[in-house]
């Protein structure tokens, strides 16, 4: 069974048992292009190897879709306890993730950014 997350402003996420598949929304040309760019950004950032990012398993070169492992959602208590500043501000880089619960998930028992294609 596939679940669909329609909350994203520029992308729709299809959730399978093991994967999240992100595709641009087609509400308007601008939304579609912004969704493409978000997918391309996640594809690029995933190559950094930063442990804070949910990895991209596969992404097409045009930004039509990105496939990631499915992360479990954070509950509100865990999100409130998350030290956002410490999570994003590293010595050599800044993790590009918004400070909102839907941008994070649990993968392999650790918190990761699941939406970093803003």
N, C-alpha and C. Protein backbone atom coordinates (compact mmCIF):
# COMPACT_ATOMS: atom_id res chain seq x y z
N UNK A 1 0.84 -1.19 0.00
CA UNK A 1 0.00 0.00 0.00
C UNK A 1 0.88 1.25 0.00
N UNK A 2 0.46 2.24 -0.75
CA UNK A 2 1.21 3.48 -0.86
C UNK A 2 0.41 4.60 -0.20
N UNK A 3 1.11 5.33 0.68
CA UNK A 3 0.51 6.51 1.29
C UNK A 3 0.98 7.75 0.53
N UNK A 4 0.18 8.80 0.60
CA UNK A 4 0.53 10.03 -0.10
C UNK A 4 0.52 11.18 0.89
N UNK A 5 1.60 11.95 0.91
CA UNK A 5 1.70 13.13 1.76
C UNK A 5 1.56 14.34 0.85
N UNK A 6 0.48 15.08 1.00
CA UNK A 6 0.23 16.25 0.14
C UNK A 6 0.52 17.57 0.85
N UNK A 7 1.21 17.53 1.99
CA UNK A 7 1.45 18.74 2.77
C UNK A 7 2.50 19.65 2.16
N UNK A 8 3.41 19.11 1.38
CA UNK A 8 4.51 19.91 0.85
C UNK A 8 4.03 21.01 -0.08
N UNK A 9 4.69 22.14 -0.03
CA UNK A 9 4.31 23.27 -0.87
C UNK A 9 4.68 23.05 -2.33
N UNK A 10 5.76 22.31 -2.56
CA UNK A 10 6.24 22.16 -3.94
C UNK A 10 6.35 20.71 -4.40
N UNK A 11 6.19 19.75 -3.48
CA UNK A 11 6.33 18.35 -3.84
C UNK A 11 5.28 17.49 -3.16
N UNK A 12 4.98 16.37 -3.78
CA UNK A 12 4.14 15.33 -3.20
C UNK A 12 5.06 14.16 -2.88
N UNK A 13 4.84 13.53 -1.73
CA UNK A 13 5.66 12.40 -1.32
C UNK A 13 4.79 11.15 -1.27
N UNK A 14 5.20 10.15 -2.04
CA UNK A 14 4.55 8.84 -2.00
C UNK A 14 5.34 7.96 -1.05
N UNK A 15 4.65 7.39 -0.06
CA UNK A 15 5.30 6.58 0.95
C UNK A 15 4.95 5.11 0.77
N UNK A 16 5.97 4.30 0.56
CA UNK A 16 5.79 2.85 0.51
C UNK A 16 6.24 2.31 1.87
N UNK A 17 6.27 1.01 1.99
CA UNK A 17 6.70 0.42 3.25
C UNK A 17 8.16 0.79 3.57
N UNK A 18 8.99 0.90 2.54
CA UNK A 18 10.42 1.14 2.76
C UNK A 18 10.97 2.44 2.19
N UNK A 19 10.20 3.12 1.32
CA UNK A 19 10.75 4.27 0.61
C UNK A 19 9.82 5.48 0.62
N UNK A 20 10.44 6.64 0.43
CA UNK A 20 9.72 7.89 0.19
C UNK A 20 10.13 8.35 -1.22
N UNK A 21 9.13 8.59 -2.05
CA UNK A 21 9.38 9.02 -3.43
C UNK A 21 8.81 10.42 -3.58
N UNK A 22 9.68 11.38 -3.86
CA UNK A 22 9.27 12.79 -3.94
C UNK A 22 9.19 13.22 -5.40
N UNK A 23 8.07 13.82 -5.75
CA UNK A 23 7.86 14.33 -7.11
C UNK A 23 7.32 15.76 -7.01
N UNK A 24 7.61 16.60 -8.00
CA UNK A 24 7.10 17.97 -7.98
C UNK A 24 5.58 18.01 -8.08
N UNK A 25 4.99 18.98 -7.41
CA UNK A 25 3.55 19.22 -7.55
C UNK A 25 3.31 19.85 -8.93
N UNK A 26 2.14 19.67 -9.45
CA UNK A 26 1.81 20.24 -10.76
C UNK A 26 0.68 21.25 -10.66
N UNK A 27 0.58 21.91 -9.52
CA UNK A 27 -0.47 22.93 -9.32
C UNK A 27 -0.30 24.11 -10.27
N UNK A 28 0.95 24.46 -10.52
CA UNK A 28 1.27 25.55 -11.44
C UNK A 28 2.66 25.30 -11.99
N UNK A 29 3.00 26.04 -13.04
CA UNK A 29 4.33 25.90 -13.63
C UNK A 29 5.41 26.27 -12.61
N UNK A 30 5.18 27.34 -11.84
CA UNK A 30 6.15 27.79 -10.84
C UNK A 30 6.33 26.73 -9.75
N UNK A 31 5.24 26.17 -9.27
CA UNK A 31 5.31 25.12 -8.24
C UNK A 31 6.07 23.91 -8.77
N UNK A 32 5.78 23.53 -10.00
CA UNK A 32 6.45 22.40 -10.61
C UNK A 32 7.96 22.64 -10.70
N UNK A 33 8.36 23.82 -11.20
CA UNK A 33 9.78 24.14 -11.32
C UNK A 33 10.46 24.18 -9.96
N UNK A 34 9.78 24.74 -8.96
CA UNK A 34 10.35 24.81 -7.62
C UNK A 34 10.51 23.41 -7.04
N UNK A 35 9.57 22.51 -7.32
CA UNK A 35 9.69 21.12 -6.89
C UNK A 35 10.86 20.41 -7.56
N UNK A 36 11.05 20.69 -8.86
CA UNK A 36 12.21 20.14 -9.56
C UNK A 36 13.51 20.59 -8.89
N UNK A 37 13.58 21.89 -8.61
CA UNK A 37 14.79 22.43 -7.98
C UNK A 37 15.02 21.83 -6.59
N UNK A 38 13.94 21.62 -5.83
CA UNK A 38 14.07 21.00 -4.50
C UNK A 38 14.63 19.59 -4.63
N UNK A 39 14.15 18.83 -5.60
CA UNK A 39 14.67 17.48 -5.83
C UNK A 39 16.15 17.52 -6.23
N UNK A 40 16.49 18.45 -7.10
CA UNK A 40 17.89 18.58 -7.52
C UNK A 40 18.78 18.97 -6.34
N UNK A 41 18.26 19.85 -5.48
CA UNK A 41 19.03 20.26 -4.31
C UNK A 41 19.26 19.08 -3.37
N UNK A 42 18.23 18.27 -3.11
CA UNK A 42 18.41 17.10 -2.25
C UNK A 42 19.39 16.11 -2.88
N UNK A 43 19.30 15.96 -4.17
CA UNK A 43 20.24 15.06 -4.87
C UNK A 43 21.68 15.54 -4.67
N UNK A 44 21.91 16.83 -4.81
CA UNK A 44 23.24 17.39 -4.65
C UNK A 44 23.72 17.28 -3.20
N UNK A 45 22.90 17.71 -2.25
CA UNK A 45 23.31 17.67 -0.84
C UNK A 45 23.55 16.24 -0.36
N UNK A 46 22.84 15.28 -0.91
CA UNK A 46 23.00 13.90 -0.45
C UNK A 46 24.39 13.36 -0.77
N UNK A 47 25.06 13.96 -1.73
CA UNK A 47 26.40 13.49 -2.09
C UNK A 47 27.46 13.95 -1.09
N UNK A 48 27.10 14.83 -0.16
CA UNK A 48 28.08 15.33 0.81
C UNK A 48 28.46 14.28 1.85
N UNK A 49 27.56 13.32 2.08
CA UNK A 49 27.82 12.31 3.11
C UNK A 49 27.54 12.80 4.51
N UNK A 50 26.89 13.96 4.65
CA UNK A 50 26.57 14.47 5.98
C UNK A 50 25.61 13.52 6.66
N UNK A 51 25.95 13.08 7.85
CA UNK A 51 25.15 12.08 8.57
C UNK A 51 23.80 12.60 9.01
N UNK A 52 23.61 13.91 9.02
CA UNK A 52 22.34 14.50 9.45
C UNK A 52 21.26 14.38 8.37
N UNK A 53 21.63 14.06 7.15
CA UNK A 53 20.68 14.02 6.04
C UNK A 53 20.20 12.61 5.76
N UNK A 54 18.91 12.47 5.53
CA UNK A 54 18.39 11.21 5.05
C UNK A 54 18.98 10.99 3.65
N UNK A 55 19.59 9.84 3.41
CA UNK A 55 20.26 9.66 2.12
C UNK A 55 19.30 9.54 0.95
N UNK A 56 19.74 9.98 -0.20
CA UNK A 56 19.02 9.76 -1.45
C UNK A 56 19.53 8.45 -2.03
N UNK A 57 18.62 7.51 -2.24
CA UNK A 57 18.98 6.22 -2.81
C UNK A 57 19.13 6.33 -4.33
N UNK A 58 18.21 7.08 -4.92
CA UNK A 58 18.24 7.28 -6.36
C UNK A 58 17.52 8.57 -6.69
N UNK A 59 18.05 9.29 -7.68
CA UNK A 59 17.40 10.50 -8.17
C UNK A 59 17.71 10.63 -9.66
N UNK A 60 16.70 10.95 -10.41
CA UNK A 60 16.94 11.15 -11.84
C UNK A 60 17.66 12.48 -12.02
N UNK A 61 18.38 12.67 -13.11
CA UNK A 61 19.17 13.89 -13.29
C UNK A 61 18.35 15.15 -13.56
N UNK A 62 17.07 15.01 -13.87
CA UNK A 62 16.24 16.18 -14.19
C UNK A 62 15.45 16.71 -12.99
N UNK A 63 15.41 15.97 -11.89
CA UNK A 63 14.66 16.41 -10.72
C UNK A 63 13.21 15.95 -10.72
N UNK A 64 12.85 15.02 -11.60
CA UNK A 64 11.47 14.52 -11.66
C UNK A 64 11.12 13.71 -10.40
N UNK A 65 12.09 12.96 -9.88
CA UNK A 65 11.82 12.23 -8.64
C UNK A 65 13.10 11.97 -7.87
N UNK A 66 12.91 11.81 -6.56
CA UNK A 66 13.98 11.46 -5.62
C UNK A 66 13.44 10.31 -4.79
N UNK A 67 14.27 9.29 -4.56
CA UNK A 67 13.88 8.17 -3.72
C UNK A 67 14.82 8.11 -2.52
N UNK A 68 14.21 8.09 -1.33
CA UNK A 68 14.93 8.01 -0.07
C UNK A 68 14.39 6.83 0.73
N UNK A 69 15.16 6.35 1.71
CA UNK A 69 14.56 5.39 2.63
C UNK A 69 13.46 6.07 3.42
N UNK A 70 12.43 5.34 3.76
CA UNK A 70 11.34 5.91 4.54
C UNK A 70 11.78 6.04 5.99
N UNK A 71 11.74 7.24 6.51
CA UNK A 71 12.07 7.50 7.91
C UNK A 71 10.77 7.56 8.71
N UNK A 72 10.84 7.15 9.95
CA UNK A 72 9.68 7.24 10.83
C UNK A 72 9.51 8.69 11.28
N UNK A 73 8.26 9.17 11.37
CA UNK A 73 8.05 10.56 11.79
C UNK A 73 8.44 10.77 13.25
N UNK A 74 8.86 11.99 13.56
CA UNK A 74 9.14 12.37 14.95
C UNK A 74 7.83 12.64 15.66
N UNK A 75 7.76 12.29 16.93
CA UNK A 75 6.60 12.71 17.72
C UNK A 75 6.90 14.11 18.27
N UNK A 76 5.87 14.78 18.74
CA UNK A 76 6.03 16.18 19.17
C UNK A 76 7.00 16.31 20.36
N UNK A 77 7.03 15.35 21.24
CA UNK A 77 7.95 15.40 22.39
C UNK A 77 9.40 15.35 21.91
N UNK A 78 9.70 14.43 21.02
CA UNK A 78 11.07 14.31 20.49
C UNK A 78 11.46 15.58 19.76
N UNK A 79 10.54 16.15 18.98
CA UNK A 79 10.85 17.37 18.25
C UNK A 79 11.12 18.53 19.21
N UNK A 80 10.34 18.65 20.27
CA UNK A 80 10.56 19.72 21.25
C UNK A 80 11.93 19.58 21.92
N UNK A 81 12.41 18.35 22.08
CA UNK A 81 13.71 18.11 22.73
C UNK A 81 14.89 18.24 21.76
N UNK A 82 14.60 18.32 20.47
CA UNK A 82 15.66 18.42 19.47
C UNK A 82 16.35 19.78 19.58
N UNK A 83 17.65 19.77 19.71
CA UNK A 83 18.43 21.01 19.74
C UNK A 83 18.71 21.42 18.29
N UNK A 84 17.78 22.20 17.74
CA UNK A 84 17.85 22.56 16.32
C UNK A 84 19.17 23.26 15.97
N UNK A 85 19.58 24.23 16.78
CA UNK A 85 20.81 24.97 16.47
C UNK A 85 22.02 24.04 16.43
N UNK A 86 22.09 23.13 17.35
CA UNK A 86 23.19 22.16 17.38
C UNK A 86 23.10 21.20 16.19
N UNK A 87 21.87 20.85 15.80
CA UNK A 87 21.68 19.93 14.67
C UNK A 87 22.17 20.56 13.36
N UNK A 88 21.85 21.83 13.15
CA UNK A 88 22.15 22.44 11.84
C UNK A 88 23.52 23.11 11.76
N UNK A 89 24.02 23.63 12.85
CA UNK A 89 25.27 24.40 12.82
C UNK A 89 26.46 23.51 13.15
N UNK A 90 27.19 23.14 12.12
CA UNK A 90 28.37 22.30 12.26
C UNK A 90 29.62 23.15 12.03
N UNK A 91 30.76 22.63 12.35
CA UNK A 91 32.00 23.38 12.21
C UNK A 91 32.26 23.76 10.74
N UNK A 92 32.03 22.82 9.83
CA UNK A 92 32.36 23.04 8.42
C UNK A 92 31.17 23.32 7.51
N UNK A 93 29.95 23.21 8.03
CA UNK A 93 28.78 23.38 7.17
C UNK A 93 27.53 23.66 8.01
N UNK A 94 26.47 24.03 7.31
CA UNK A 94 25.16 24.23 7.94
C UNK A 94 24.19 23.28 7.25
N UNK A 95 23.48 22.49 8.03
CA UNK A 95 22.51 21.54 7.47
C UNK A 95 21.29 22.34 7.00
N UNK A 96 20.91 22.23 5.74
CA UNK A 96 19.83 23.05 5.18
C UNK A 96 18.45 22.45 5.46
N UNK A 97 17.97 22.57 6.70
CA UNK A 97 16.67 22.01 7.06
C UNK A 97 15.89 23.04 7.88
N UNK A 98 14.59 23.15 7.58
CA UNK A 98 13.73 24.07 8.31
C UNK A 98 13.41 23.50 9.69
N UNK A 99 13.18 24.40 10.64
CA UNK A 99 12.87 24.01 12.01
C UNK A 99 11.37 23.72 12.14
N UNK A 100 10.96 22.58 11.56
CA UNK A 100 9.57 22.13 11.68
C UNK A 100 9.56 20.61 11.75
N UNK A 101 8.59 20.09 12.44
CA UNK A 101 8.56 18.66 12.75
C UNK A 101 8.57 17.78 11.50
N UNK A 102 7.89 18.21 10.43
CA UNK A 102 7.81 17.40 9.21
C UNK A 102 9.14 17.33 8.45
N UNK A 103 10.11 18.15 8.82
CA UNK A 103 11.40 18.15 8.15
C UNK A 103 12.37 17.12 8.72
N UNK A 104 11.95 16.41 9.77
CA UNK A 104 12.82 15.46 10.45
C UNK A 104 12.16 14.09 10.55
N UNK A 105 12.98 13.07 10.71
CA UNK A 105 12.46 11.72 10.92
C UNK A 105 13.52 10.87 11.60
N UNK A 106 13.11 9.67 12.00
CA UNK A 106 14.03 8.69 12.57
C UNK A 106 14.42 7.69 11.49
N UNK A 107 15.72 7.50 11.32
CA UNK A 107 16.23 6.50 10.39
C UNK A 107 17.37 5.78 11.10
N UNK A 108 17.27 4.47 11.22
CA UNK A 108 18.29 3.69 11.92
C UNK A 108 18.54 4.23 13.33
N UNK A 109 17.46 4.55 14.03
CA UNK A 109 17.50 5.01 15.42
C UNK A 109 18.19 6.34 15.62
N UNK A 110 18.26 7.17 14.60
CA UNK A 110 18.80 8.52 14.78
C UNK A 110 17.95 9.52 14.01
N UNK A 111 17.96 10.75 14.48
CA UNK A 111 17.20 11.82 13.84
C UNK A 111 17.97 12.30 12.61
N UNK A 112 17.24 12.40 11.50
CA UNK A 112 17.82 12.90 10.25
C UNK A 112 16.88 13.93 9.62
N UNK A 113 17.44 14.79 8.80
CA UNK A 113 16.63 15.71 8.01
C UNK A 113 16.07 14.94 6.82
N UNK A 114 14.76 14.98 6.67
CA UNK A 114 14.13 14.27 5.55
C UNK A 114 13.67 15.23 4.46
N UNK A 115 13.64 16.51 4.75
CA UNK A 115 13.24 17.53 3.78
C UNK A 115 14.27 18.64 3.81
N UNK A 116 15.25 18.56 2.92
CA UNK A 116 16.29 19.57 2.86
C UNK A 116 16.41 20.14 1.45
N UNK A 117 15.32 20.04 0.71
CA UNK A 117 15.29 20.58 -0.65
C UNK A 117 14.40 21.80 -0.72
N UNK A 118 14.76 22.82 0.05
CA UNK A 118 13.88 24.00 0.10
C UNK A 118 14.18 24.96 -1.01
